[in-house]
N, C-alpha and C. Protein backbone atom coordinates (compact mmCIF):
# COMPACT_ATOMS: atom_id res chain seq x y z
N UNK A 1 -29.82 65.40 18.77
CA UNK A 1 -28.60 64.57 19.15
C UNK A 1 -29.22 63.18 19.40
N UNK A 2 -30.14 63.19 20.33
CA UNK A 2 -30.70 61.91 20.74
C UNK A 2 -31.31 61.12 19.57
N UNK A 3 -32.08 61.96 18.65
CA UNK A 3 -32.50 61.23 17.37
C UNK A 3 -31.52 60.46 16.55
N UNK A 4 -30.29 61.37 16.47
CA UNK A 4 -29.18 60.92 15.61
C UNK A 4 -28.45 59.50 16.34
N UNK A 5 -28.58 59.39 17.66
CA UNK A 5 -27.88 58.20 18.35
C UNK A 5 -28.84 57.15 18.11
N UNK A 6 -30.19 57.22 18.21
CA UNK A 6 -31.10 56.23 17.89
C UNK A 6 -30.85 55.60 16.45
N UNK A 7 -30.77 56.36 15.70
CA UNK A 7 -30.45 55.92 14.10
C UNK A 7 -29.22 55.06 13.96
N UNK A 8 -28.32 55.59 14.67
CA UNK A 8 -26.83 54.71 14.65
C UNK A 8 -27.12 53.48 15.19
N UNK A 9 -27.85 53.49 16.60
CA UNK A 9 -28.06 52.04 17.13
C UNK A 9 -29.12 51.14 16.19
N UNK A 10 -29.99 51.78 15.65
CA UNK A 10 -30.71 51.08 14.71
C UNK A 10 -29.94 50.40 13.44
N UNK A 11 -29.07 51.38 12.88
CA UNK A 11 -28.33 50.91 11.78
C UNK A 11 -27.30 49.73 12.40
N UNK A 12 -26.81 49.86 13.29
CA UNK A 12 -25.86 48.59 13.95
C UNK A 12 -26.69 47.38 14.30
N UNK A 13 -27.93 47.52 14.69
CA UNK A 13 -28.78 46.51 14.86
C UNK A 13 -29.19 45.76 13.60
N UNK A 14 -29.52 46.55 12.60
CA UNK A 14 -29.76 46.08 11.07
C UNK A 14 -28.59 45.32 10.85
N UNK A 15 -27.32 45.93 10.76
CA UNK A 15 -26.10 45.28 10.25
C UNK A 15 -25.90 43.88 10.94
N UNK A 16 -26.08 43.92 12.34
CA UNK A 16 -26.02 42.55 13.05
C UNK A 16 -26.84 41.67 12.44
N UNK A 17 -28.24 41.90 12.46
CA UNK A 17 -29.23 41.20 11.83
C UNK A 17 -28.96 40.49 10.54
N UNK A 18 -28.46 41.50 9.71
CA UNK A 18 -28.10 41.15 8.24
C UNK A 18 -26.90 40.05 8.25
N UNK A 19 -25.80 40.49 9.21
CA UNK A 19 -24.90 39.44 9.34
C UNK A 19 -25.31 38.10 9.80
N UNK A 20 -26.19 38.05 10.65
CA UNK A 20 -26.73 36.85 11.37
C UNK A 20 -27.42 36.08 10.11
N UNK A 21 -28.22 36.77 9.37
CA UNK A 21 -29.11 36.05 8.28
C UNK A 21 -27.92 35.55 7.36
N UNK A 22 -27.00 36.27 6.88
CA UNK A 22 -25.89 35.65 5.94
C UNK A 22 -25.24 34.58 6.46
N UNK A 23 -24.81 34.51 7.57
CA UNK A 23 -24.32 33.22 8.23
C UNK A 23 -25.04 32.16 8.18
N UNK A 24 -26.25 32.24 8.60
CA UNK A 24 -27.32 31.33 8.57
C UNK A 24 -27.65 30.53 7.26
N UNK A 25 -27.72 31.74 6.22
CA UNK A 25 -27.91 31.24 4.77
C UNK A 25 -26.73 30.56 4.30
N UNK A 26 -25.53 30.96 4.55
CA UNK A 26 -24.46 30.12 4.14
C UNK A 26 -24.36 28.72 4.86
N UNK A 27 -24.73 28.64 6.01
CA UNK A 27 -24.64 27.54 6.84
C UNK A 27 -25.73 26.42 6.34
N UNK A 28 -26.90 27.16 5.92
CA UNK A 28 -28.07 26.14 5.34
C UNK A 28 -27.61 25.66 3.79
N UNK A 29 -26.95 26.49 3.18
CA UNK A 29 -26.46 26.04 1.73
C UNK A 29 -25.49 25.13 1.83
N UNK A 30 -24.57 25.24 2.83
CA UNK A 30 -23.40 24.22 2.88
C UNK A 30 -23.98 22.85 3.34
N UNK A 31 -24.87 22.79 4.26
CA UNK A 31 -25.57 21.60 4.91
C UNK A 31 -26.37 20.96 3.75
N UNK A 32 -27.07 21.75 3.09
CA UNK A 32 -27.95 21.30 2.02
C UNK A 32 -26.84 20.56 0.88
N UNK A 33 -25.92 21.20 0.53
CA UNK A 33 -24.86 20.61 -0.50
C UNK A 33 -24.20 19.23 0.11
N UNK A 34 -24.10 19.29 1.45
CA UNK A 34 -23.49 18.09 1.99
C UNK A 34 -24.54 16.94 2.01
N UNK A 35 -25.71 17.38 2.17
CA UNK A 35 -26.68 16.32 2.34
C UNK A 35 -27.11 15.76 0.88
N UNK A 36 -26.88 16.68 0.02
CA UNK A 36 -27.11 15.93 -1.42
C UNK A 36 -26.01 15.18 -1.84
N UNK A 37 -24.83 15.41 -1.33
CA UNK A 37 -23.60 14.57 -1.79
C UNK A 37 -23.73 13.25 -0.89
N UNK A 38 -24.25 13.29 0.22
CA UNK A 38 -24.39 11.96 0.76
C UNK A 38 -25.66 11.25 0.44
N UNK A 39 -26.80 11.97 0.25
CA UNK A 39 -27.99 11.28 -0.06
C UNK A 39 -28.59 11.42 -1.55
N UNK A 40 -27.85 11.18 -2.50
CA UNK A 40 -28.41 11.01 -3.71
C UNK A 40 -28.13 11.88 -4.99
N UNK A 41 -27.55 12.88 -4.92
CA UNK A 41 -27.46 13.72 -6.18
C UNK A 41 -26.46 12.70 -6.91
N UNK A 42 -26.96 12.45 -8.20
CA UNK A 42 -26.39 11.53 -9.13
C UNK A 42 -24.94 12.23 -9.36
N UNK A 43 -24.78 13.48 -9.91
CA UNK A 43 -23.31 14.11 -10.23
C UNK A 43 -22.52 13.98 -8.85
N UNK A 44 -23.07 14.18 -7.74
CA UNK A 44 -22.11 14.17 -6.69
C UNK A 44 -21.71 12.97 -6.23
N UNK A 45 -22.54 11.75 -6.30
CA UNK A 45 -22.21 10.53 -6.21
C UNK A 45 -21.08 10.04 -7.22
N UNK A 46 -21.33 10.27 -8.55
CA UNK A 46 -20.42 9.88 -9.49
C UNK A 46 -19.11 10.53 -9.32
N UNK A 47 -19.05 11.74 -8.84
CA UNK A 47 -17.82 12.58 -8.74
C UNK A 47 -17.21 11.93 -7.50
N UNK A 48 -17.82 11.63 -6.42
CA UNK A 48 -17.27 10.81 -5.38
C UNK A 48 -16.63 9.52 -5.79
N UNK A 49 -17.19 8.79 -6.65
CA UNK A 49 -16.86 7.56 -7.02
C UNK A 49 -15.66 7.71 -7.85
N UNK A 50 -15.57 8.58 -8.79
CA UNK A 50 -14.52 9.05 -9.49
C UNK A 50 -13.31 9.40 -8.73
N UNK A 51 -13.56 10.19 -7.66
CA UNK A 51 -12.63 10.38 -6.43
C UNK A 51 -11.88 9.19 -6.04
N UNK A 52 -12.83 8.28 -5.62
CA UNK A 52 -12.09 6.81 -5.16
C UNK A 52 -11.14 6.14 -6.14
N UNK A 53 -11.76 6.33 -7.41
CA UNK A 53 -10.86 5.68 -8.50
C UNK A 53 -9.45 6.33 -8.61
N UNK A 54 -9.51 7.78 -8.48
CA UNK A 54 -8.33 8.47 -8.55
C UNK A 54 -7.37 7.93 -7.29
N UNK A 55 -8.01 7.92 -6.22
CA UNK A 55 -7.24 7.56 -4.94
C UNK A 55 -6.52 6.30 -5.20
N UNK A 56 -7.17 5.24 -5.71
CA UNK A 56 -6.54 3.84 -6.01
C UNK A 56 -5.43 4.08 -7.05
N UNK A 57 -5.77 5.07 -8.10
CA UNK A 57 -4.81 5.30 -9.16
C UNK A 57 -3.38 5.76 -8.57
N UNK A 58 -3.60 6.84 -7.70
CA UNK A 58 -2.48 7.37 -6.93
C UNK A 58 -1.71 6.44 -6.29
N UNK A 59 -2.33 5.47 -5.44
CA UNK A 59 -1.65 4.49 -4.83
C UNK A 59 -0.96 3.36 -5.69
N UNK A 60 -1.42 3.08 -6.85
CA UNK A 60 -0.83 2.41 -7.78
C UNK A 60 0.39 2.99 -8.53
N UNK A 61 0.31 4.24 -8.54
CA UNK A 61 1.43 5.02 -9.34
C UNK A 61 2.56 5.16 -8.33
N UNK A 62 2.65 4.78 -7.18
CA UNK A 62 3.67 4.74 -6.34
C UNK A 62 4.66 3.32 -6.75
N UNK A 63 5.58 3.50 -7.36
CA UNK A 63 6.51 2.51 -7.74
C UNK A 63 7.53 2.28 -6.73
N UNK A 64 7.67 1.04 -6.13
CA UNK A 64 8.53 0.68 -5.19
C UNK A 64 9.14 -0.51 -5.59
N UNK A 65 10.40 -0.14 -6.18
CA UNK A 65 11.08 -1.44 -6.84
C UNK A 65 11.80 -2.23 -5.77
N UNK A 66 12.26 -1.91 -4.51
CA UNK A 66 12.66 -2.45 -3.51
C UNK A 66 11.40 -3.28 -2.94
N UNK A 67 10.43 -3.04 -2.98
CA UNK A 67 9.22 -3.57 -2.36
C UNK A 67 9.12 -4.84 -3.39
N UNK A 68 9.22 -4.71 -4.59
CA UNK A 68 9.02 -5.52 -5.71
C UNK A 68 9.94 -6.74 -5.61
N UNK A 69 11.13 -6.34 -5.21
CA UNK A 69 12.23 -7.39 -5.10
C UNK A 69 12.62 -8.07 -3.82
N UNK A 70 11.67 -7.65 -2.82
CA UNK A 70 11.85 -8.12 -1.41
C UNK A 70 11.47 -9.59 -1.10
N UNK A 71 11.91 -10.51 -1.95
CA UNK A 71 11.84 -11.87 -1.75
C UNK A 71 10.28 -12.43 -1.57
N UNK A 72 9.92 -12.76 -0.49
CA UNK A 72 8.67 -13.47 -0.03
C UNK A 72 7.60 -12.41 -0.04
N UNK A 73 7.82 -11.11 0.05
CA UNK A 73 6.69 -10.14 0.20
C UNK A 73 6.59 -9.22 -1.06
N UNK A 74 6.38 -9.72 -2.12
CA UNK A 74 6.54 -8.96 -3.50
C UNK A 74 5.23 -8.20 -3.91
N UNK A 75 4.05 -8.87 -3.33
CA UNK A 75 2.85 -8.27 -3.82
C UNK A 75 2.49 -6.93 -3.36
N UNK A 76 1.93 -6.12 -4.15
CA UNK A 76 1.29 -4.77 -3.85
C UNK A 76 -0.14 -4.75 -3.94
N UNK A 77 -0.84 -5.63 -4.67
CA UNK A 77 -2.16 -5.59 -4.76
C UNK A 77 -3.01 -6.80 -4.54
N UNK A 78 -3.79 -7.01 -3.87
CA UNK A 78 -4.41 -8.40 -3.64
C UNK A 78 -6.08 -8.09 -3.23
N UNK A 79 -6.57 -9.20 -3.40
CA UNK A 79 -8.05 -9.26 -2.96
C UNK A 79 -8.31 -10.34 -1.71
N UNK A 80 -9.03 -10.05 -0.86
CA UNK A 80 -9.29 -10.85 0.23
C UNK A 80 -10.66 -10.86 0.66
N UNK A 81 -11.51 -11.75 0.53
CA UNK A 81 -13.03 -11.74 0.85
C UNK A 81 -13.66 -10.54 0.33
N UNK A 82 -13.41 -10.24 -0.73
CA UNK A 82 -14.11 -9.05 -1.47
C UNK A 82 -13.48 -7.82 -1.14
N UNK A 83 -12.55 -7.75 -0.23
CA UNK A 83 -11.87 -6.46 -0.13
C UNK A 83 -10.62 -6.21 -0.95
N UNK A 84 -10.24 -4.89 -1.31
CA UNK A 84 -8.99 -4.75 -2.09
C UNK A 84 -8.03 -4.22 -1.23
N UNK A 85 -6.88 -4.84 -1.20
CA UNK A 85 -5.63 -4.68 -0.36
C UNK A 85 -4.67 -3.93 -1.33
N UNK A 86 -4.07 -2.86 -0.86
CA UNK A 86 -2.95 -2.06 -1.49
C UNK A 86 -1.89 -1.72 -0.55
N UNK A 87 -0.71 -2.16 -0.81
CA UNK A 87 0.44 -1.53 -0.06
C UNK A 87 0.72 -0.35 -0.51
N UNK A 88 0.80 0.43 0.52
CA UNK A 88 0.66 2.16 0.06
C UNK A 88 2.08 2.72 0.53
N UNK A 89 2.61 2.41 1.82
CA UNK A 89 3.75 3.24 2.21
C UNK A 89 4.86 2.45 2.76
N UNK A 90 6.06 2.85 2.33
CA UNK A 90 7.26 2.09 2.69
C UNK A 90 8.24 3.14 3.48
N UNK A 91 9.10 2.61 4.26
CA UNK A 91 10.20 3.39 4.94
C UNK A 91 11.46 2.74 4.64
N UNK A 92 12.39 3.41 4.19
CA UNK A 92 13.77 3.03 3.95
C UNK A 92 14.52 3.08 5.27
N UNK A 93 15.11 2.06 5.89
CA UNK A 93 15.94 2.21 6.98
C UNK A 93 17.21 2.39 6.64
N UNK A 94 18.12 2.76 7.50
CA UNK A 94 19.40 3.21 7.28
C UNK A 94 20.18 2.25 6.58
N UNK A 95 19.93 0.90 6.96
CA UNK A 95 20.85 -0.10 6.17
C UNK A 95 20.36 -0.37 4.85
N UNK A 96 19.25 0.31 4.34
CA UNK A 96 18.96 0.16 3.04
C UNK A 96 17.71 -0.69 2.85
N UNK A 97 17.08 -1.40 3.93
CA UNK A 97 16.06 -2.48 3.85
C UNK A 97 14.89 -1.63 3.80
N UNK A 98 13.73 -2.25 3.12
CA UNK A 98 12.74 -1.60 3.03
C UNK A 98 11.60 -2.27 4.05
N UNK A 99 10.97 -1.51 4.65
CA UNK A 99 9.85 -1.80 5.73
C UNK A 99 8.43 -1.51 5.27
N UNK A 100 7.61 -2.31 5.17
CA UNK A 100 6.07 -1.76 4.81
C UNK A 100 5.69 -1.36 6.10
N UNK A 101 5.04 -0.02 6.04
CA UNK A 101 4.49 0.67 7.10
C UNK A 101 2.94 0.28 7.22
N UNK A 102 2.29 0.13 5.90
CA UNK A 102 0.89 0.00 6.16
C UNK A 102 0.24 -0.56 4.96
N UNK A 103 -0.94 -1.12 4.93
CA UNK A 103 -1.69 -1.65 3.77
C UNK A 103 -2.97 -1.05 3.87
N UNK A 104 -3.35 -0.52 2.87
CA UNK A 104 -4.96 0.03 2.77
C UNK A 104 -5.80 -1.01 2.30
N UNK A 105 -6.90 -1.23 3.13
CA UNK A 105 -7.90 -2.25 2.72
C UNK A 105 -8.96 -1.46 2.41
N UNK A 106 -9.65 -1.50 1.09
CA UNK A 106 -10.88 -0.93 0.75
C UNK A 106 -12.00 -2.04 0.91
N UNK A 107 -12.96 -1.64 1.82
CA UNK A 107 -14.02 -2.56 2.14
C UNK A 107 -15.52 -1.87 2.05
N UNK A 108 -16.46 -2.76 1.54
CA UNK A 108 -17.77 -2.29 1.40
C UNK A 108 -18.39 -3.03 2.84
N UNK A 109 -18.96 -2.11 3.51
CA UNK A 109 -19.64 -2.42 4.90
C UNK A 109 -20.99 -1.50 4.94
N UNK A 110 -21.97 -2.30 5.00
CA UNK A 110 -23.30 -1.52 5.19
C UNK A 110 -23.40 -0.37 4.28
N UNK A 111 -23.28 -0.83 3.04
CA UNK A 111 -23.40 0.11 1.87
C UNK A 111 -22.44 1.32 1.77
N UNK A 112 -21.37 1.19 2.59
CA UNK A 112 -20.29 2.30 2.69
C UNK A 112 -19.18 1.88 2.39
N UNK A 113 -18.25 2.43 1.36
CA UNK A 113 -16.88 2.10 1.00
C UNK A 113 -16.16 2.80 2.16
N UNK A 114 -15.26 1.95 2.89
CA UNK A 114 -14.36 2.44 3.81
C UNK A 114 -13.02 2.16 3.42
N UNK A 115 -12.03 2.78 3.97
CA UNK A 115 -10.46 2.61 3.75
C UNK A 115 -10.09 2.41 5.19
N UNK A 116 -9.44 1.13 5.50
CA UNK A 116 -8.68 0.75 6.76
C UNK A 116 -7.11 0.82 6.45
N UNK A 117 -6.38 1.51 7.22
CA UNK A 117 -4.93 1.37 7.07
C UNK A 117 -4.43 0.22 8.21
N UNK A 118 -3.84 -0.55 7.62
CA UNK A 118 -3.37 -1.76 8.77
C UNK A 118 -1.81 -1.80 8.80
N UNK A 119 -1.31 -2.18 9.88
CA UNK A 119 0.20 -2.32 9.97
C UNK A 119 0.58 -3.80 9.62
N UNK A 120 1.97 -3.84 9.66
CA UNK A 120 2.42 -5.18 9.26
C UNK A 120 1.63 -6.29 9.89
N UNK A 121 1.21 -6.47 11.07
CA UNK A 121 0.58 -7.40 11.71
C UNK A 121 -0.88 -7.31 11.43
N UNK A 122 -1.23 -6.72 10.40
CA UNK A 122 -2.72 -6.42 10.10
C UNK A 122 -3.67 -5.91 11.10
N UNK A 123 -3.02 -5.14 12.09
CA UNK A 123 -3.79 -4.44 13.11
C UNK A 123 -4.13 -3.17 12.39
N UNK A 124 -5.46 -2.70 12.60
CA UNK A 124 -6.08 -1.63 12.19
C UNK A 124 -5.53 -0.40 12.80
N UNK A 125 -4.93 0.56 11.90
CA UNK A 125 -4.28 1.71 12.38
C UNK A 125 -5.46 2.92 12.34
N UNK A 126 -6.13 2.96 11.38
CA UNK A 126 -7.30 4.02 11.34
C UNK A 126 -8.34 3.52 10.31
N UNK A 127 -9.59 4.12 10.39
CA UNK A 127 -10.61 3.72 9.42
C UNK A 127 -11.23 5.10 9.14
N UNK A 128 -11.60 4.94 7.63
CA UNK A 128 -12.28 6.36 7.24
C UNK A 128 -13.37 6.06 6.38
N UNK A 129 -14.43 6.27 6.40
CA UNK A 129 -15.52 6.07 5.29
C UNK A 129 -15.26 7.01 4.06
N UNK A 130 -15.52 6.48 2.88
CA UNK A 130 -15.18 7.15 1.62
C UNK A 130 -16.44 7.45 0.78
N UNK A 131 -17.29 6.61 0.76
CA UNK A 131 -18.45 6.75 -0.24
C UNK A 131 -19.59 5.89 0.22
N UNK A 132 -20.79 6.59 0.17
CA UNK A 132 -21.88 5.84 0.70
C UNK A 132 -22.83 5.42 -0.54
N UNK A 133 -23.91 4.81 -0.21
CA UNK A 133 -25.09 4.50 -1.19
C UNK A 133 -24.49 3.48 -2.23
N UNK A 134 -23.57 2.62 -1.78
CA UNK A 134 -23.07 1.65 -2.71
C UNK A 134 -23.75 0.24 -2.64
N UNK A 135 -24.19 -0.41 -3.76
CA UNK A 135 -24.74 -1.51 -3.86
C UNK A 135 -23.84 -2.63 -3.98
N UNK A 136 -22.61 -2.31 -4.67
CA UNK A 136 -21.55 -3.45 -4.63
C UNK A 136 -20.26 -2.68 -4.88
N UNK A 137 -19.07 -3.15 -4.64
CA UNK A 137 -17.81 -2.81 -4.82
C UNK A 137 -17.16 -4.12 -5.35
N UNK A 138 -16.49 -4.02 -6.56
CA UNK A 138 -16.05 -5.30 -7.20
C UNK A 138 -14.55 -4.99 -7.63
N UNK A 139 -13.66 -6.05 -7.55
CA UNK A 139 -12.50 -5.83 -8.20
C UNK A 139 -12.32 -7.21 -8.88
N UNK A 140 -11.91 -7.06 -10.16
CA UNK A 140 -11.54 -8.32 -11.04
C UNK A 140 -10.21 -8.19 -11.59
N UNK A 141 -9.55 -9.51 -11.74
CA UNK A 141 -8.48 -9.44 -12.50
C UNK A 141 -8.47 -10.32 -13.58
N UNK A 142 -7.91 -9.88 -14.74
CA UNK A 142 -7.96 -10.71 -16.01
C UNK A 142 -6.36 -11.02 -16.41
N UNK A 143 -5.93 -12.12 -16.37
CA UNK A 143 -4.61 -12.60 -16.93
C UNK A 143 -4.50 -12.32 -18.32
N UNK A 144 -3.55 -11.68 -18.82
CA UNK A 144 -3.35 -11.39 -20.28
C UNK A 144 -2.18 -12.55 -20.70
N UNK A 145 -2.15 -12.62 -21.89
CA UNK A 145 -1.13 -13.57 -22.69
C UNK A 145 0.22 -13.03 -22.31
N UNK A 146 0.64 -11.84 -22.06
CA UNK A 146 1.72 -11.26 -21.75
C UNK A 146 2.17 -11.68 -20.23
N UNK A 147 1.44 -12.24 -19.42
CA UNK A 147 1.59 -12.72 -18.16
C UNK A 147 1.31 -11.43 -17.25
N UNK A 148 0.74 -10.31 -17.66
CA UNK A 148 0.31 -9.37 -16.92
C UNK A 148 -1.04 -9.42 -16.59
N UNK A 149 -1.56 -8.40 -15.82
CA UNK A 149 -3.06 -8.54 -15.22
C UNK A 149 -3.54 -7.19 -15.67
N UNK A 150 -4.96 -7.27 -15.98
CA UNK A 150 -5.77 -5.94 -16.16
C UNK A 150 -6.54 -6.20 -14.83
N UNK A 151 -6.60 -5.04 -13.90
CA UNK A 151 -7.52 -5.02 -12.68
C UNK A 151 -8.46 -4.00 -13.11
N UNK A 152 -9.75 -4.49 -12.83
CA UNK A 152 -10.85 -3.47 -12.99
C UNK A 152 -11.63 -3.39 -11.61
N UNK A 153 -11.91 -2.15 -11.27
CA UNK A 153 -12.40 -1.85 -10.00
C UNK A 153 -14.02 -1.10 -10.37
N UNK A 154 -15.13 -1.62 -9.86
CA UNK A 154 -16.30 -1.31 -10.45
C UNK A 154 -17.01 -0.69 -9.00
N UNK A 155 -17.63 0.34 -9.05
CA UNK A 155 -18.31 0.92 -7.87
C UNK A 155 -19.73 1.03 -8.33
N UNK A 156 -20.71 0.30 -7.87
CA UNK A 156 -22.08 0.53 -8.41
C UNK A 156 -22.88 1.00 -7.21
N UNK A 157 -23.56 2.00 -7.68
CA UNK A 157 -24.58 2.75 -6.83
C UNK A 157 -25.82 1.80 -6.51
N UNK A 158 -26.61 2.02 -5.37
CA UNK A 158 -27.75 1.21 -5.18
C UNK A 158 -28.71 1.26 -6.27
N UNK A 159 -28.81 2.36 -7.14
CA UNK A 159 -29.73 2.52 -8.15
C UNK A 159 -29.25 1.87 -9.53
N UNK A 160 -28.08 1.20 -9.47
CA UNK A 160 -27.54 0.55 -10.70
C UNK A 160 -26.46 1.35 -11.38
N UNK A 161 -26.26 2.75 -11.16
CA UNK A 161 -25.06 3.43 -11.74
C UNK A 161 -23.84 2.84 -11.51
N UNK A 162 -22.86 2.65 -12.57
CA UNK A 162 -21.76 2.02 -12.40
C UNK A 162 -20.57 3.04 -12.67
N UNK A 163 -19.53 3.18 -12.01
CA UNK A 163 -18.31 4.05 -12.28
C UNK A 163 -17.28 2.84 -12.26
N UNK A 164 -16.42 2.79 -13.23
CA UNK A 164 -15.23 1.77 -13.17
C UNK A 164 -14.10 2.34 -13.94
N UNK A 165 -12.88 1.63 -13.52
CA UNK A 165 -11.71 1.88 -14.08
C UNK A 165 -10.91 0.61 -14.16
N UNK A 166 -9.91 0.50 -15.18
CA UNK A 166 -9.01 -0.60 -15.38
C UNK A 166 -7.66 -0.01 -15.30
N UNK A 167 -6.72 -0.99 -14.76
CA UNK A 167 -5.35 -0.70 -14.76
C UNK A 167 -4.65 -1.89 -15.10
N UNK A 168 -3.39 -1.84 -15.84
CA UNK A 168 -2.56 -2.87 -16.24
C UNK A 168 -1.49 -2.98 -15.06
N UNK A 169 -1.37 -4.22 -14.73
CA UNK A 169 -0.53 -4.51 -13.77
C UNK A 169 0.55 -5.55 -13.96
N UNK A 170 1.84 -5.57 -13.40
CA UNK A 170 2.74 -6.53 -13.59
C UNK A 170 2.39 -7.77 -12.89
N UNK A 171 2.88 -8.87 -13.32
CA UNK A 171 2.52 -10.15 -12.46
C UNK A 171 2.98 -10.11 -11.10
N UNK A 172 4.24 -9.69 -10.87
CA UNK A 172 4.70 -9.36 -9.58
C UNK A 172 4.05 -8.65 -8.59
N UNK A 173 3.22 -7.66 -9.20
CA UNK A 173 2.44 -6.80 -8.24
C UNK A 173 1.22 -7.51 -7.70
N UNK A 174 0.66 -8.40 -8.24
CA UNK A 174 -0.54 -9.25 -7.83
C UNK A 174 -0.27 -10.36 -7.05
N UNK A 175 -1.16 -10.53 -5.77
CA UNK A 175 -1.07 -11.70 -4.98
C UNK A 175 -2.43 -12.50 -5.31
């Protein structure tokens, strides 16, 4: 009986050791994947850059006709000192008036693209890093004969890889 109990203890210890090794292996694999996403895997960086362009695309898809007709404050997209500003969220007050809650500012600082959410007084509400290893972040506007604009956003990796996307915008959207 004593021999059987020792074997059961040994089995339990072996299972505990196997469990610990599995957790350590998963943890190491996860940290390796994160490290490659942050430090240079080409596919990871390009996927991150495409995600940023999707984020901008989603912000631009939010059509707010009240904001467009709001007299002196019609713009939704602007550039300022190399940063891209996008008005993103609005609240409709009980009397039907629209108030802008925040503006998103995409900025390149120390090779990291960050997003800052600003209130109406341009006070920073929150800051979040989005993508590292950037050599440049550029936004260009081209005016068309139709009085519309084509906005192109280019994300350039330190090694020269470029991911870009273009959007067609109404004149009233651009400041």
